Amino acid sequence: YETLTEIIRHRFTEPTVTLRELFRR
């Protein structure tokens, strides 16, 4: 998950919202 969060921060749309959703999952 740690690596996935790094990828999300750099390459995903809406990284902040996505990180919160991933933590909830």
PDB file of all heavy atoms in Angstrom:
ATOM      1  N   TYR A   1       0.835  -1.194   0.000  1.00  0.00           N
ATOM      2  CA  TYR A   1       0.000   0.000   0.000  1.00  0.00           C
ATOM      3  C   TYR A   1       0.875   1.251   0.000  1.00  0.00           C
ATOM      4  O   TYR A   1       0.535   2.259  -0.638  1.00  0.00           O
ATOM      5  CB  TYR A   1      -0.916   0.005   1.227  1.00  0.00           C
ATOM      6  CG  TYR A   1      -2.119  -0.901   1.105  1.00  0.00           C
ATOM      7  CD1 TYR A   1      -2.103  -2.195   1.630  1.00  0.00           C
ATOM      8  CD2 TYR A   1      -3.280  -0.468   0.475  1.00  0.00           C
ATOM      9  CE1 TYR A   1      -3.211  -3.025   1.525  1.00  0.00           C
ATOM     10  CE2 TYR A   1      -4.392  -1.286   0.368  1.00  0.00           C
ATOM     11  CZ  TYR A   1      -4.348  -2.562   0.892  1.00  0.00           C
ATOM     12  OH  TYR A   1      -5.453  -3.386   0.776  1.00  0.00           O
ATOM     13  N   GLU A   2       1.980   1.188   0.702  1.00  0.00           N
ATOM     14  CA  GLU A   2       2.873   2.351   0.764  1.00  0.00           C
ATOM     15  C   GLU A   2       3.352   2.756  -0.633  1.00  0.00           C
ATOM     16  O   GLU A   2       3.325   3.938  -1.000  1.00  0.00           O
ATOM     17  CB  GLU A   2       4.066   2.020   1.667  1.00  0.00           C
ATOM     18  CG  GLU A   2       5.017   3.178   1.884  1.00  0.00           C
ATOM     19  CD  GLU A   2       6.159   2.824   2.841  1.00  0.00           C
ATOM     20  OE1 GLU A   2       6.053   1.799   3.548  1.00  0.00           O
ATOM     21  OE2 GLU A   2       7.145   3.574   2.852  1.00  0.00           O
ATOM     22  N   THR A   3       3.777   1.770  -1.418  1.00  0.00           N
ATOM     23  CA  THR A   3       4.211   2.067  -2.782  1.00  0.00           C
ATOM     24  C   THR A   3       3.054   2.575  -3.626  1.00  0.00           C
ATOM     25  O   THR A   3       3.212   3.494  -4.440  1.00  0.00           O
ATOM     26  CB  THR A   3       4.824   0.811  -3.432  1.00  0.00           C
ATOM     27  OG1 THR A   3       5.910   0.346  -2.631  1.00  0.00           O
ATOM     28  CG2 THR A   3       5.331   1.109  -4.835  1.00  0.00           C
ATOM     29  N   LEU A   4       1.875   1.994  -3.432  1.00  0.00           N
ATOM     30  CA  LEU A   4       0.710   2.433  -4.195  1.00  0.00           C
ATOM     31  C   LEU A   4       0.380   3.891  -3.894  1.00  0.00           C
ATOM     32  O   LEU A   4       0.019   4.659  -4.797  1.00  0.00           O
ATOM     33  CB  LEU A   4      -0.486   1.529  -3.895  1.00  0.00           C
ATOM     34  CG  LEU A   4      -1.765   1.772  -4.713  1.00  0.00           C
ATOM     35  CD1 LEU A   4      -1.477   1.780  -6.205  1.00  0.00           C
ATOM     36  CD2 LEU A   4      -2.816   0.712  -4.377  1.00  0.00           C
ATOM     37  N   THR A   5       0.536   4.304  -2.641  1.00  0.00           N
ATOM     38  CA  THR A   5       0.261   5.716  -2.306  1.00  0.00           C
ATOM     39  C   THR A   5       1.252   6.637  -3.016  1.00  0.00           C
ATOM     40  O   THR A   5       0.883   7.746  -3.434  1.00  0.00           O
ATOM     41  CB  THR A   5       0.325   5.961  -0.790  1.00  0.00           C
ATOM     42  OG1 THR A   5       1.649   5.709  -0.290  1.00  0.00           O
ATOM     43  CG2 THR A   5      -0.692   5.101  -0.051  1.00  0.00           C
ATOM     44  N   GLU A   6       2.497   6.215  -3.157  1.00  0.00           N
ATOM     45  CA  GLU A   6       3.490   7.039  -3.870  1.00  0.00           C
ATOM     46  C   GLU A   6       3.093   7.201  -5.337  1.00  0.00           C
ATOM     47  O   GLU A   6       3.194   8.306  -5.906  1.00  0.00           O
ATOM     48  CB  GLU A   6       4.866   6.394  -3.771  1.00  0.00           C
ATOM     49  CG  GLU A   6       5.448   6.362  -2.364  1.00  0.00           C
ATOM     50  CD  GLU A   6       6.719   5.523  -2.283  1.00  0.00           C
ATOM     51  OE1 GLU A   6       7.186   5.050  -3.345  1.00  0.00           O
ATOM     52  OE2 GLU A   6       7.233   5.331  -1.172  1.00  0.00           O
ATOM     53  N   ILE A   7       2.637   6.112  -5.948  1.00  0.00           N
ATOM     54  CA  ILE A   7       2.207   6.174  -7.350  1.00  0.00           C
ATOM     55  C   ILE A   7       0.990   7.081  -7.490  1.00  0.00           C
ATOM     56  O   ILE A   7       0.888   7.882  -8.424  1.00  0.00           O
ATOM     57  CB  ILE A   7       1.908   4.752  -7.873  1.00  0.00           C
ATOM     58  CG1 ILE A   7       3.194   3.914  -7.881  1.00  0.00           C
ATOM     59  CG2 ILE A   7       1.312   4.807  -9.275  1.00  0.00           C
ATOM     60  CD1 ILE A   7       2.960   2.437  -8.143  1.00  0.00           C
ATOM     61  N   ILE A   8       0.061   6.972  -6.562  1.00  0.00           N
ATOM     62  CA  ILE A   8      -1.147   7.803  -6.599  1.00  0.00           C
ATOM     63  C   ILE A   8      -0.786   9.284  -6.496  1.00  0.00           C
ATOM     64  O   ILE A   8      -1.325  10.127  -7.235  1.00  0.00           O
ATOM     65  CB  ILE A   8      -2.123   7.391  -5.479  1.00  0.00           C
ATOM     66  CG1 ILE A   8      -2.740   6.019  -5.795  1.00  0.00           C
ATOM     67  CG2 ILE A   8      -3.216   8.448  -5.290  1.00  0.00           C
ATOM     68  CD1 ILE A   8      -3.541   5.431  -4.657  1.00  0.00           C
ATOM     69  N   ARG A   9       0.132   9.621  -5.606  1.00  0.00           N
ATOM     70  CA  ARG A   9       0.502  11.028  -5.423  1.00  0.00           C
ATOM     71  C   ARG A   9       1.066  11.636  -6.700  1.00  0.00           C
ATOM     72  O   ARG A   9       0.873  12.816  -6.982  1.00  0.00           O
ATOM     73  CB  ARG A   9       1.514  11.161  -4.286  1.00  0.00           C
ATOM     74  CG  ARG A   9       0.924  10.934  -2.907  1.00  0.00           C
ATOM     75  CD  ARG A   9       1.798  11.511  -1.817  1.00  0.00           C
ATOM     76  NE  ARG A   9       3.103  10.883  -1.746  1.00  0.00           N
ATOM     77  CZ  ARG A   9       3.389   9.803  -1.020  1.00  0.00           C
ATOM     78  NH1 ARG A   9       2.423   9.220  -0.315  1.00  0.00           N
ATOM     79  NH2 ARG A   9       4.598   9.307  -0.983  1.00  0.00           N
ATOM     80  N   HIS A  10       1.783  10.835  -7.490  1.00  0.00           N
ATOM     81  CA  HIS A  10       2.478  11.367  -8.663  1.00  0.00           C
ATOM     82  C   HIS A  10       1.730  11.188  -9.982  1.00  0.00           C
ATOM     83  O   HIS A  10       1.940  11.958 -10.924  1.00  0.00           O
ATOM     84  CB  HIS A  10       3.856  10.706  -8.786  1.00  0.00           C
ATOM     85  CG  HIS A  10       4.805  11.112  -7.707  1.00  0.00           C
ATOM     86  ND1 HIS A  10       5.040  10.337  -6.586  1.00  0.00           N
ATOM     87  CD2 HIS A  10       5.569  12.216  -7.553  1.00  0.00           C
ATOM     88  CE1 HIS A  10       5.912  10.943  -5.807  1.00  0.00           C
ATOM     89  NE2 HIS A  10       6.253  12.089  -6.362  1.00  0.00           N
ATOM     90  N   ARG A  11       0.822  10.193 -10.071  1.00  0.00           N
ATOM     91  CA  ARG A  11       0.303   9.845 -11.391  1.00  0.00           C
ATOM     92  C   ARG A  11      -1.220   9.800 -11.493  1.00  0.00           C
ATOM     93  O   ARG A  11      -1.753   9.689 -12.590  1.00  0.00           O
ATOM     94  CB  ARG A  11       0.857   8.481 -11.827  1.00  0.00           C
ATOM     95  CG  ARG A  11       2.388   8.429 -11.906  1.00  0.00           C
ATOM     96  CD  ARG A  11       2.846   7.181 -12.608  1.00  0.00           C
ATOM     97  NE  ARG A  11       2.326   7.121 -13.964  1.00  0.00           N
ATOM     98  CZ  ARG A  11       2.216   5.989 -14.666  1.00  0.00           C
ATOM     99  NH1 ARG A  11       2.580   4.847 -14.128  1.00  0.00           N
ATOM    100  NH2 ARG A  11       1.736   6.013 -15.891  1.00  0.00           N
ATOM    101  N   PHE A  12      -1.927   9.882 -10.379  1.00  0.00           N
ATOM    102  CA  PHE A  12      -3.387   9.731 -10.404  1.00  0.00           C
ATOM    103  C   PHE A  12      -4.091  11.085 -10.450  1.00  0.00           C
ATOM    104  O   PHE A  12      -3.567  12.097  -9.966  1.00  0.00           O
ATOM    105  CB  PHE A  12      -3.877   8.980  -9.163  1.00  0.00           C
ATOM    106  CG  PHE A  12      -3.849   7.483  -9.287  1.00  0.00           C
ATOM    107  CD1 PHE A  12      -2.663   6.808  -9.551  1.00  0.00           C
ATOM    108  CD2 PHE A  12      -5.007   6.738  -9.136  1.00  0.00           C
ATOM    109  CE1 PHE A  12      -2.630   5.426  -9.656  1.00  0.00           C
ATOM    110  CE2 PHE A  12      -4.990   5.351  -9.239  1.00  0.00           C
ATOM    111  CZ  PHE A  12      -3.799   4.689  -9.502  1.00  0.00           C
ATOM    112  N   THR A  13      -5.290  11.072 -11.035  1.00  0.00           N
ATOM    113  CA  THR A  13      -6.159  12.232 -10.918  1.00  0.00           C
ATOM    114  C   THR A  13      -6.662  12.319  -9.472  1.00  0.00           C
ATOM    115  O   THR A  13      -6.814  11.312  -8.795  1.00  0.00           O
ATOM    116  CB  THR A  13      -7.369  12.110 -11.865  1.00  0.00           C
ATOM    117  OG1 THR A  13      -8.095  10.906 -11.539  1.00  0.00           O
ATOM    118  CG2 THR A  13      -6.924  12.030 -13.317  1.00  0.00           C
ATOM    119  N   GLU A  14      -6.892  13.487  -8.994  1.00  0.00           N
ATOM    120  CA  GLU A  14      -7.409  13.724  -7.635  1.00  0.00           C
ATOM    121  C   GLU A  14      -6.681  12.887  -6.585  1.00  0.00           C
ATOM    122  O   GLU A  14      -7.291  12.074  -5.876  1.00  0.00           O
ATOM    123  CB  GLU A  14      -8.909  13.445  -7.572  1.00  0.00           C
ATOM    124  CG  GLU A  14      -9.755  14.300  -8.505  1.00  0.00           C
ATOM    125  CD  GLU A  14     -11.229  14.068  -8.310  1.00  0.00           C
ATOM    126  OE1 GLU A  14     -11.697  12.943  -8.601  1.00  0.00           O
ATOM    127  OE2 GLU A  14     -11.912  14.990  -7.838  1.00  0.00           O
ATOM    128  N   PRO A  15      -5.379  13.083  -6.444  1.00  0.00           N
ATOM    129  CA  PRO A  15      -4.609  12.210  -5.540  1.00  0.00           C
ATOM    130  C   PRO A  15      -5.064  12.251  -4.081  1.00  0.00           C
ATOM    131  O   PRO A  15      -5.100  11.211  -3.419  1.00  0.00           O
ATOM    132  CB  PRO A  15      -3.175  12.711  -5.706  1.00  0.00           C
ATOM    133  CG  PRO A  15      -3.282  14.073  -6.315  1.00  0.00           C
ATOM    134  CD  PRO A  15      -4.517  14.059  -7.140  1.00  0.00           C
ATOM    135  N   THR A  16      -5.423  13.436  -3.574  1.00  0.00           N
ATOM    136  CA  THR A  16      -5.809  13.529  -2.163  1.00  0.00           C
ATOM    137  C   THR A  16      -7.085  12.737  -1.883  1.00  0.00           C
ATOM    138  O   THR A  16      -7.169  11.973  -0.908  1.00  0.00           O
ATOM    139  CB  THR A  16      -6.002  15.001  -1.757  1.00  0.00           C
ATOM    140  OG1 THR A  16      -4.790  15.726  -2.016  1.00  0.00           O
ATOM    141  CG2 THR A  16      -6.335  15.108  -0.280  1.00  0.00           C
ATOM    142  N   VAL A  17      -8.080  12.916  -2.752  1.00  0.00           N
ATOM    143  CA  VAL A  17      -9.341  12.185  -2.608  1.00  0.00           C
ATOM    144  C   VAL A  17      -9.100  10.681  -2.771  1.00  0.00           C
ATOM    145  O   VAL A  17      -9.666   9.854  -2.036  1.00  0.00           O
ATOM    146  CB  VAL A  17     -10.368  12.673  -3.646  1.00  0.00           C
ATOM    147  CG1 VAL A  17     -11.622  11.795  -3.634  1.00  0.00           C
ATOM    148  CG2 VAL A  17     -10.724  14.129  -3.404  1.00  0.00           C
ATOM    149  N   THR A  18      -8.244  10.312  -3.733  1.00  0.00           N
ATOM    150  CA  THR A  18      -7.968   8.896  -4.001  1.00  0.00           C
ATOM    151  C   THR A  18      -7.253   8.246  -2.830  1.00  0.00           C
ATOM    152  O   THR A  18      -7.557   7.097  -2.455  1.00  0.00           O
ATOM    153  CB  THR A  18      -7.118   8.760  -5.278  1.00  0.00           C
ATOM    154  OG1 THR A  18      -7.831   9.355  -6.373  1.00  0.00           O
ATOM    155  CG2 THR A  18      -6.844   7.304  -5.595  1.00  0.00           C
ATOM    156  N   LEU A  19      -6.311   8.956  -2.219  1.00  0.00           N
ATOM    157  CA  LEU A  19      -5.580   8.397  -1.077  1.00  0.00           C
ATOM    158  C   LEU A  19      -6.524   8.137   0.095  1.00  0.00           C
ATOM    159  O   LEU A  19      -6.419   7.103   0.771  1.00  0.00           O
ATOM    160  CB  LEU A  19      -4.461   9.349  -0.654  1.00  0.00           C
ATOM    161  CG  LEU A  19      -3.264   9.417  -1.598  1.00  0.00           C
ATOM    162  CD1 LEU A  19      -2.355  10.587  -1.232  1.00  0.00           C
ATOM    163  CD2 LEU A  19      -2.469   8.105  -1.564  1.00  0.00           C
ATOM    164  N   ARG A  20      -7.453   9.043   0.322  1.00  0.00           N
ATOM    165  CA  ARG A  20      -8.417   8.846   1.407  1.00  0.00           C
ATOM    166  C   ARG A  20      -9.304   7.632   1.116  1.00  0.00           C
ATOM    167  O   ARG A  20      -9.568   6.813   2.008  1.00  0.00           O
ATOM    168  CB  ARG A  20      -9.272  10.107   1.592  1.00  0.00           C
ATOM    169  CG  ARG A  20     -10.234  10.031   2.773  1.00  0.00           C
ATOM    170  CD  ARG A  20     -11.036  11.315   2.931  1.00  0.00           C
ATOM    171  NE  ARG A  20     -11.913  11.251   4.091  1.00  0.00           N
ATOM    172  CZ  ARG A  20     -11.581  11.571   5.313  1.00  0.00           C
ATOM    173  NH1 ARG A  20     -10.362  12.007   5.572  1.00  0.00           N
ATOM    174  NH2 ARG A  20     -12.437  11.480   6.323  1.00  0.00           N
ATOM    175  N   GLU A  21      -9.753   7.509  -0.138  1.00  0.00           N
ATOM    176  CA  GLU A  21     -10.576   6.365  -0.519  1.00  0.00           C
ATOM    177  C   GLU A  21      -9.805   5.062  -0.346  1.00  0.00           C
ATOM    178  O   GLU A  21     -10.345   4.063   0.157  1.00  0.00           O
ATOM    179  CB  GLU A  21     -11.052   6.515  -1.964  1.00  0.00           C
ATOM    180  CG  GLU A  21     -11.742   5.286  -2.558  1.00  0.00           C
ATOM    181  CD  GLU A  21     -13.098   4.976  -1.970  1.00  0.00           C
ATOM    182  OE1 GLU A  21     -13.662   5.843  -1.258  1.00  0.00           O
ATOM    183  OE2 GLU A  21     -13.609   3.861  -2.224  1.00  0.00           O
ATOM    184  N   LEU A  22      -8.535   5.036  -0.745  1.00  0.00           N
ATOM    185  CA  LEU A  22      -7.735   3.820  -0.605  1.00  0.00           C
ATOM    186  C   LEU A  22      -7.542   3.462   0.864  1.00  0.00           C
ATOM    187  O   LEU A  22      -7.603   2.276   1.233  1.00  0.00           O
ATOM    188  CB  LEU A  22      -6.378   3.996  -1.292  1.00  0.00           C
ATOM    189  CG  LEU A  22      -5.466   2.773  -1.272  1.00  0.00           C
ATOM    190  CD1 LEU A  22      -6.082   1.613  -2.054  1.00  0.00           C
ATOM    191  CD2 LEU A  22      -4.079   3.109  -1.841  1.00  0.00           C
ATOM    192  N   PHE A  23      -7.323   4.459   1.724  1.00  0.00           N
ATOM    193  CA  PHE A  23      -7.186   4.172   3.154  1.00  0.00           C
ATOM    194  C   PHE A  23      -8.478   3.586   3.697  1.00  0.00           C
ATOM    195  O   PHE A  23      -8.453   2.628   4.492  1.00  0.00           O
ATOM    196  CB  PHE A  23      -6.820   5.445   3.921  1.00  0.00           C
ATOM    197  CG  PHE A  23      -6.552   5.207   5.386  1.00  0.00           C
ATOM    198  CD1 PHE A  23      -5.351   4.655   5.806  1.00  0.00           C
ATOM    199  CD2 PHE A  23      -7.513   5.510   6.343  1.00  0.00           C
ATOM    200  CE1 PHE A  23      -5.108   4.416   7.156  1.00  0.00           C
ATOM    201  CE2 PHE A  23      -7.281   5.283   7.691  1.00  0.00           C
ATOM    202  CZ  PHE A  23      -6.070   4.727   8.097  1.00  0.00           C
ATOM    203  N   ARG A  24      -9.621   4.124   3.265  1.00  0.00           N
ATOM    204  CA  ARG A  24     -10.905   3.595   3.728  1.00  0.00           C
ATOM    205  C   ARG A  24     -11.074   2.144   3.278  1.00  0.00           C
ATOM    206  O   ARG A  24     -11.618   1.311   4.015  1.00  0.00           O
ATOM    207  CB  ARG A  24     -12.049   4.465   3.212  1.00  0.00           C
ATOM    208  CG  ARG A  24     -12.006   5.891   3.760  1.00  0.00           C
ATOM    209  CD  ARG A  24     -13.135   6.748   3.231  1.00  0.00           C
ATOM    210  NE  ARG A  24     -14.394   6.364   3.858  1.00  0.00           N
ATOM    211  CZ  ARG A  24     -15.522   6.132   3.213  1.00  0.00           C
ATOM    212  NH1 ARG A  24     -15.547   6.205   1.890  1.00  0.00           N
ATOM    213  NH2 ARG A  24     -16.615   5.797   3.866  1.00  0.00           N
ATOM    214  N   ARG A  25     -10.615   1.810   2.066  1.00  0.00           N
ATOM    215  CA  ARG A  25     -10.693   0.429   1.589  1.00  0.00           C
ATOM    216  C   ARG A  25      -9.779  -0.479   2.408  1.00  0.00           C
ATOM    217  O   ARG A  25     -10.154  -1.605   2.747  1.00  0.00           O
ATOM    218  CB  ARG A  25     -10.318   0.365   0.104  1.00  0.00           C
ATOM    219  CG  ARG A  25     -11.315   1.060  -0.802  1.00  0.00           C
ATOM    220  CD  ARG A  25     -10.937   0.930  -2.273  1.00  0.00           C
ATOM    221  NE  ARG A  25     -11.782   1.787  -3.106  1.00  0.00           N
ATOM    222  CZ  ARG A  25     -11.767   1.814  -4.428  1.00  0.00           C
ATOM    223  NH1 ARG A  25     -10.912   1.015  -5.092  1.00  0.00           N
ATOM    224  NH2 ARG A  25     -12.565   2.612  -5.098  1.00  0.00           N
TER     225      ARG A  25
END
